């Protein structure tokens, strides 16, 4: 009974939240860039910064933003930054060059 109540509470929280698009995607590493774009393009503002060996794509709305590193071919590498604007919380992660190298070799 308790588990059912908790599951219902979380489902209602995410259904009524503007964070739900990312929450429902689950493990972001299972999506390449084109799949993420098709999931988010209608709702989230997208900004792409292309570097010599990788690209950072940032999706944002009024509440939050997520920056994700991809190879130039669109393979997921890692989350670079998560930000919750109203709460003024930002989590940044250093890019792992070894991970980038491994993903490019695929």
N, C-alpha and C. Protein backbone atom coordinates (compact mmCIF):
# COMPACT_ATOMS: atom_id res chain seq x y z
N UNK A 1 0.82 -1.19 0.00
CA UNK A 1 0.00 0.00 0.00
C UNK A 1 0.86 1.26 0.00
N UNK A 2 1.90 1.26 0.85
CA UNK A 2 2.78 2.42 0.93
C UNK A 2 3.47 2.67 -0.41
N UNK A 3 3.98 1.60 -1.04
CA UNK A 3 4.65 1.76 -2.33
C UNK A 3 3.71 2.31 -3.39
N UNK A 4 2.49 1.85 -3.39
CA UNK A 4 1.51 2.34 -4.35
C UNK A 4 1.24 3.84 -4.13
N UNK A 5 1.14 4.25 -2.88
CA UNK A 5 0.91 5.66 -2.56
C UNK A 5 2.11 6.51 -2.98
N UNK A 6 3.32 6.04 -2.74
CA UNK A 6 4.53 6.77 -3.13
C UNK A 6 4.63 6.88 -4.65
N UNK A 7 4.35 5.79 -5.34
CA UNK A 7 4.40 5.80 -6.81
C UNK A 7 3.38 6.79 -7.36
N UNK A 8 2.19 6.81 -6.80
CA UNK A 8 1.15 7.76 -7.23
C UNK A 8 1.59 9.19 -6.97
N UNK A 9 2.20 9.44 -5.81
CA UNK A 9 2.66 10.79 -5.48
C UNK A 9 3.71 11.27 -6.48
N UNK A 10 4.70 10.40 -6.80
CA UNK A 10 5.74 10.77 -7.75
C UNK A 10 5.16 10.99 -9.14
N UNK A 11 4.24 10.12 -9.56
CA UNK A 11 3.62 10.30 -10.88
C UNK A 11 2.88 11.62 -10.97
N UNK A 12 2.12 11.96 -9.95
CA UNK A 12 1.40 13.24 -9.94
C UNK A 12 2.35 14.42 -9.92
N UNK A 13 3.43 14.30 -9.18
CA UNK A 13 4.42 15.37 -9.11
C UNK A 13 4.98 15.65 -10.49
N UNK A 14 5.38 14.59 -11.21
CA UNK A 14 5.99 14.78 -12.51
C UNK A 14 4.97 15.14 -13.59
N UNK A 15 3.75 14.68 -13.48
CA UNK A 15 2.74 15.03 -14.46
C UNK A 15 2.40 16.51 -14.41
N UNK A 16 2.49 17.10 -13.24
CA UNK A 16 2.15 18.51 -13.08
C UNK A 16 3.37 19.41 -13.08
N UNK A 17 4.51 18.89 -13.42
CA UNK A 17 5.76 19.64 -13.35
C UNK A 17 6.31 19.91 -14.73
N UNK A 18 6.95 21.07 -14.89
CA UNK A 18 7.61 21.37 -16.16
C UNK A 18 8.95 20.68 -16.27
N UNK A 19 9.36 19.95 -15.25
CA UNK A 19 10.59 19.19 -15.28
C UNK A 19 10.34 17.81 -15.88
N UNK A 20 9.10 17.45 -16.10
CA UNK A 20 8.73 16.07 -16.43
C UNK A 20 9.32 15.56 -17.73
N UNK A 21 9.58 16.41 -18.70
CA UNK A 21 10.12 15.94 -19.96
C UNK A 21 11.43 15.20 -19.76
N UNK A 22 12.33 15.76 -18.98
CA UNK A 22 13.59 15.09 -18.70
C UNK A 22 13.41 13.93 -17.73
N UNK A 23 12.54 14.10 -16.76
CA UNK A 23 12.31 13.04 -15.78
C UNK A 23 11.78 11.77 -16.45
N UNK A 24 10.89 11.92 -17.40
CA UNK A 24 10.32 10.75 -18.06
C UNK A 24 11.26 10.10 -19.07
N UNK A 25 12.28 10.82 -19.50
CA UNK A 25 13.23 10.21 -20.42
C UNK A 25 14.11 9.17 -19.74
N UNK A 26 14.27 9.30 -18.45
CA UNK A 26 15.06 8.31 -17.71
C UNK A 26 16.55 8.44 -18.00
N UNK A 27 17.18 7.35 -18.36
CA UNK A 27 18.61 7.30 -18.61
C UNK A 27 18.92 8.01 -19.93
N UNK A 28 19.46 9.22 -19.86
CA UNK A 28 19.69 10.03 -21.05
C UNK A 28 20.74 9.43 -21.99
N UNK A 29 21.60 8.57 -21.47
CA UNK A 29 22.64 7.99 -22.32
C UNK A 29 22.08 7.03 -23.37
N UNK A 30 20.83 6.64 -23.23
CA UNK A 30 20.24 5.74 -24.24
C UNK A 30 19.74 6.48 -25.47
N UNK A 31 19.80 7.82 -25.45
CA UNK A 31 19.32 8.63 -26.58
C UNK A 31 20.49 9.30 -27.28
N UNK A 32 20.50 9.25 -28.61
CA UNK A 32 21.49 10.07 -29.32
C UNK A 32 20.89 11.46 -29.52
N UNK A 33 21.65 12.36 -30.10
CA UNK A 33 21.22 13.75 -30.21
C UNK A 33 19.92 13.89 -31.00
N UNK A 34 19.79 13.21 -32.12
CA UNK A 34 18.57 13.35 -32.93
C UNK A 34 17.34 12.85 -32.19
N UNK A 35 17.49 11.78 -31.40
CA UNK A 35 16.36 11.28 -30.61
C UNK A 35 15.95 12.29 -29.54
N UNK A 36 16.93 12.90 -28.88
CA UNK A 36 16.63 13.92 -27.87
C UNK A 36 15.93 15.12 -28.51
N UNK A 37 16.43 15.53 -29.66
CA UNK A 37 15.82 16.67 -30.34
C UNK A 37 14.37 16.39 -30.69
N UNK A 38 14.09 15.19 -31.14
CA UNK A 38 12.70 14.86 -31.50
C UNK A 38 11.81 14.81 -30.26
N UNK A 39 12.37 14.43 -29.11
CA UNK A 39 11.60 14.37 -27.86
C UNK A 39 11.33 15.76 -27.29
N UNK A 40 12.26 16.70 -27.49
CA UNK A 40 12.21 17.96 -26.75
C UNK A 40 11.98 19.21 -27.59
N UNK A 41 12.14 19.14 -28.89
CA UNK A 41 12.17 20.34 -29.72
C UNK A 41 10.90 21.18 -29.67
N UNK A 42 9.76 20.58 -29.48
CA UNK A 42 8.51 21.34 -29.49
C UNK A 42 8.32 22.15 -28.20
N UNK A 43 9.00 21.79 -27.12
CA UNK A 43 8.73 22.40 -25.83
C UNK A 43 9.91 23.19 -25.28
N UNK A 44 11.12 22.71 -25.51
CA UNK A 44 12.32 23.30 -24.91
C UNK A 44 13.10 24.10 -25.93
N UNK A 45 13.68 25.23 -25.49
CA UNK A 45 14.58 26.02 -26.33
C UNK A 45 15.91 25.28 -26.42
N UNK A 46 16.47 25.19 -27.61
CA UNK A 46 17.71 24.45 -27.82
C UNK A 46 18.82 25.37 -28.30
N UNK A 47 20.01 25.19 -27.73
CA UNK A 47 21.19 25.94 -28.14
C UNK A 47 22.34 24.96 -28.30
N UNK A 48 23.05 25.05 -29.43
CA UNK A 48 24.15 24.12 -29.71
C UNK A 48 25.45 24.89 -29.84
N UNK A 49 26.48 24.44 -29.12
CA UNK A 49 27.83 24.98 -29.25
C UNK A 49 28.72 23.85 -29.76
N UNK A 50 29.32 24.06 -30.93
CA UNK A 50 30.16 23.04 -31.55
C UNK A 50 31.62 23.39 -31.31
N UNK A 51 32.37 22.41 -30.81
CA UNK A 51 33.80 22.56 -30.58
C UNK A 51 34.54 21.65 -31.55
N UNK A 52 35.84 21.59 -31.43
CA UNK A 52 36.64 20.81 -32.38
C UNK A 52 36.32 19.32 -32.37
N UNK A 53 36.09 18.74 -31.19
CA UNK A 53 35.88 17.29 -31.11
C UNK A 53 34.56 16.88 -30.47
N UNK A 54 33.75 17.83 -30.04
CA UNK A 54 32.48 17.52 -29.40
C UNK A 54 31.54 18.71 -29.53
N UNK A 55 30.30 18.50 -29.08
CA UNK A 55 29.31 19.59 -29.05
C UNK A 55 28.54 19.54 -27.74
N UNK A 56 28.16 20.73 -27.28
CA UNK A 56 27.35 20.84 -26.08
C UNK A 56 25.98 21.36 -26.51
N UNK A 57 24.94 20.62 -26.16
CA UNK A 57 23.58 21.04 -26.49
C UNK A 57 22.89 21.38 -25.17
N UNK A 58 22.29 22.58 -25.13
CA UNK A 58 21.59 23.02 -23.93
C UNK A 58 20.12 23.18 -24.25
N UNK A 59 19.29 22.51 -23.46
CA UNK A 59 17.84 22.67 -23.55
C UNK A 59 17.41 23.44 -22.31
N UNK A 60 16.54 24.44 -22.50
CA UNK A 60 16.11 25.24 -21.35
C UNK A 60 14.65 25.66 -21.49
N UNK A 61 14.05 25.91 -20.33
CA UNK A 61 12.73 26.53 -20.25
C UNK A 61 12.78 27.52 -19.09
N UNK A 62 11.65 28.01 -18.66
CA UNK A 62 11.65 29.02 -17.60
C UNK A 62 12.11 28.47 -16.26
N UNK A 63 12.00 27.16 -16.05
CA UNK A 63 12.35 26.57 -14.76
C UNK A 63 13.74 25.95 -14.70
N UNK A 64 14.22 25.39 -15.79
CA UNK A 64 15.45 24.62 -15.71
C UNK A 64 16.20 24.62 -17.04
N UNK A 65 17.44 24.15 -16.98
CA UNK A 65 18.21 23.92 -18.20
C UNK A 65 19.12 22.73 -18.00
N UNK A 66 19.39 22.06 -19.09
CA UNK A 66 20.24 20.87 -19.10
C UNK A 66 21.21 20.99 -20.25
N UNK A 67 22.50 20.85 -19.97
CA UNK A 67 23.53 20.87 -21.00
C UNK A 67 24.14 19.48 -21.08
N UNK A 68 24.16 18.96 -22.30
CA UNK A 68 24.64 17.59 -22.52
C UNK A 68 25.71 17.60 -23.59
N UNK A 69 26.77 16.85 -23.34
CA UNK A 69 27.87 16.73 -24.28
C UNK A 69 27.61 15.54 -25.21
N UNK A 70 27.80 15.78 -26.51
CA UNK A 70 27.68 14.74 -27.53
C UNK A 70 28.93 14.77 -28.41
N UNK A 71 29.23 13.64 -29.03
CA UNK A 71 30.27 13.64 -30.06
C UNK A 71 29.74 14.45 -31.24
N UNK A 72 30.61 14.74 -32.19
CA UNK A 72 30.17 15.48 -33.38
C UNK A 72 29.15 14.69 -34.19
N UNK A 73 29.17 13.37 -34.06
CA UNK A 73 28.19 12.55 -34.78
C UNK A 73 26.89 12.36 -33.99
N UNK A 74 26.80 12.94 -32.78
CA UNK A 74 25.55 12.91 -32.02
C UNK A 74 25.43 11.82 -30.98
N UNK A 75 26.53 11.13 -30.66
CA UNK A 75 26.51 10.09 -29.63
C UNK A 75 26.60 10.76 -28.25
N UNK A 76 25.75 10.35 -27.33
CA UNK A 76 25.76 10.88 -25.96
C UNK A 76 27.11 10.60 -25.31
N UNK A 77 27.67 11.62 -24.63
CA UNK A 77 28.91 11.45 -23.88
C UNK A 77 28.62 11.54 -22.40
N UNK A 78 28.09 12.69 -21.96
CA UNK A 78 27.77 12.87 -20.55
C UNK A 78 26.97 14.15 -20.36
N UNK A 79 26.32 14.24 -19.21
CA UNK A 79 25.65 15.48 -18.82
C UNK A 79 26.73 16.45 -18.38
N UNK A 80 26.67 17.67 -18.86
CA UNK A 80 27.64 18.70 -18.49
C UNK A 80 27.13 19.57 -17.35
N UNK A 81 25.83 19.91 -17.40
CA UNK A 81 25.29 20.80 -16.36
C UNK A 81 23.78 20.66 -16.26
N UNK A 82 23.29 20.74 -15.02
CA UNK A 82 21.86 20.75 -14.73
C UNK A 82 21.60 21.98 -13.88
N UNK A 83 20.56 22.74 -14.22
CA UNK A 83 20.28 23.96 -13.48
C UNK A 83 18.78 24.11 -13.23
N UNK A 84 18.44 24.42 -11.98
CA UNK A 84 17.06 24.71 -11.60
C UNK A 84 17.02 26.19 -11.24
N UNK A 85 16.43 26.99 -12.12
CA UNK A 85 16.52 28.45 -12.04
C UNK A 85 15.84 29.03 -10.81
N UNK A 86 14.62 28.64 -10.54
CA UNK A 86 13.89 29.21 -9.41
C UNK A 86 14.56 28.90 -8.08
N UNK A 87 15.14 27.71 -7.98
CA UNK A 87 15.81 27.30 -6.75
C UNK A 87 17.25 27.79 -6.68
N UNK A 88 17.74 28.35 -7.81
CA UNK A 88 19.12 28.84 -7.92
C UNK A 88 20.13 27.73 -7.59
N UNK A 89 19.87 26.56 -8.16
CA UNK A 89 20.76 25.41 -7.99
C UNK A 89 21.35 25.02 -9.34
N UNK A 90 22.65 24.85 -9.37
CA UNK A 90 23.31 24.41 -10.59
C UNK A 90 24.33 23.34 -10.24
N UNK A 91 24.30 22.25 -10.98
CA UNK A 91 25.26 21.17 -10.82
C UNK A 91 26.05 21.07 -12.11
N UNK A 92 27.35 21.27 -12.02
CA UNK A 92 28.23 21.19 -13.18
C UNK A 92 29.16 20.00 -13.01
N UNK A 93 29.45 19.37 -14.13
CA UNK A 93 30.32 18.20 -14.13
C UNK A 93 31.44 18.43 -15.13
N UNK A 94 32.67 18.11 -14.72
CA UNK A 94 33.79 18.24 -15.64
C UNK A 94 33.67 17.21 -16.75
N UNK A 95 34.01 17.65 -17.95
CA UNK A 95 34.00 16.71 -19.07
C UNK A 95 35.13 15.71 -18.90
N UNK A 96 34.82 14.46 -19.10
CA UNK A 96 35.79 13.39 -18.98
C UNK A 96 36.39 13.11 -20.36
N UNK A 97 37.64 13.52 -20.60
CA UNK A 97 38.23 13.35 -21.93
C UNK A 97 38.34 11.88 -22.35
N UNK A 98 38.55 10.98 -21.40
CA UNK A 98 38.62 9.55 -21.73
C UNK A 98 37.28 9.04 -22.26
N UNK A 99 36.21 9.48 -21.63
CA UNK A 99 34.87 9.08 -22.06
C UNK A 99 34.58 9.62 -23.45
N UNK A 100 34.97 10.86 -23.71
CA UNK A 100 34.78 11.46 -25.03
C UNK A 100 35.55 10.66 -26.08
N UNK A 101 36.78 10.30 -25.77
CA UNK A 101 37.60 9.52 -26.70
C UNK A 101 36.96 8.15 -27.00
N UNK A 102 36.48 7.47 -25.94
CA UNK A 102 35.85 6.17 -26.12
C UNK A 102 34.60 6.26 -26.98
N UNK A 103 33.79 7.30 -26.76
CA UNK A 103 32.54 7.44 -27.52
C UNK A 103 32.82 7.77 -28.98
N UNK A 104 33.89 8.51 -29.25
CA UNK A 104 34.23 8.84 -30.63
C UNK A 104 34.73 7.62 -31.39
N UNK A 105 35.32 6.69 -30.68
CA UNK A 105 35.85 5.48 -31.31
C UNK A 105 34.75 4.52 -31.73
N UNK A 106 33.55 4.70 -31.21
CA UNK A 106 32.44 3.77 -31.50
C UNK A 106 31.96 3.95 -32.92
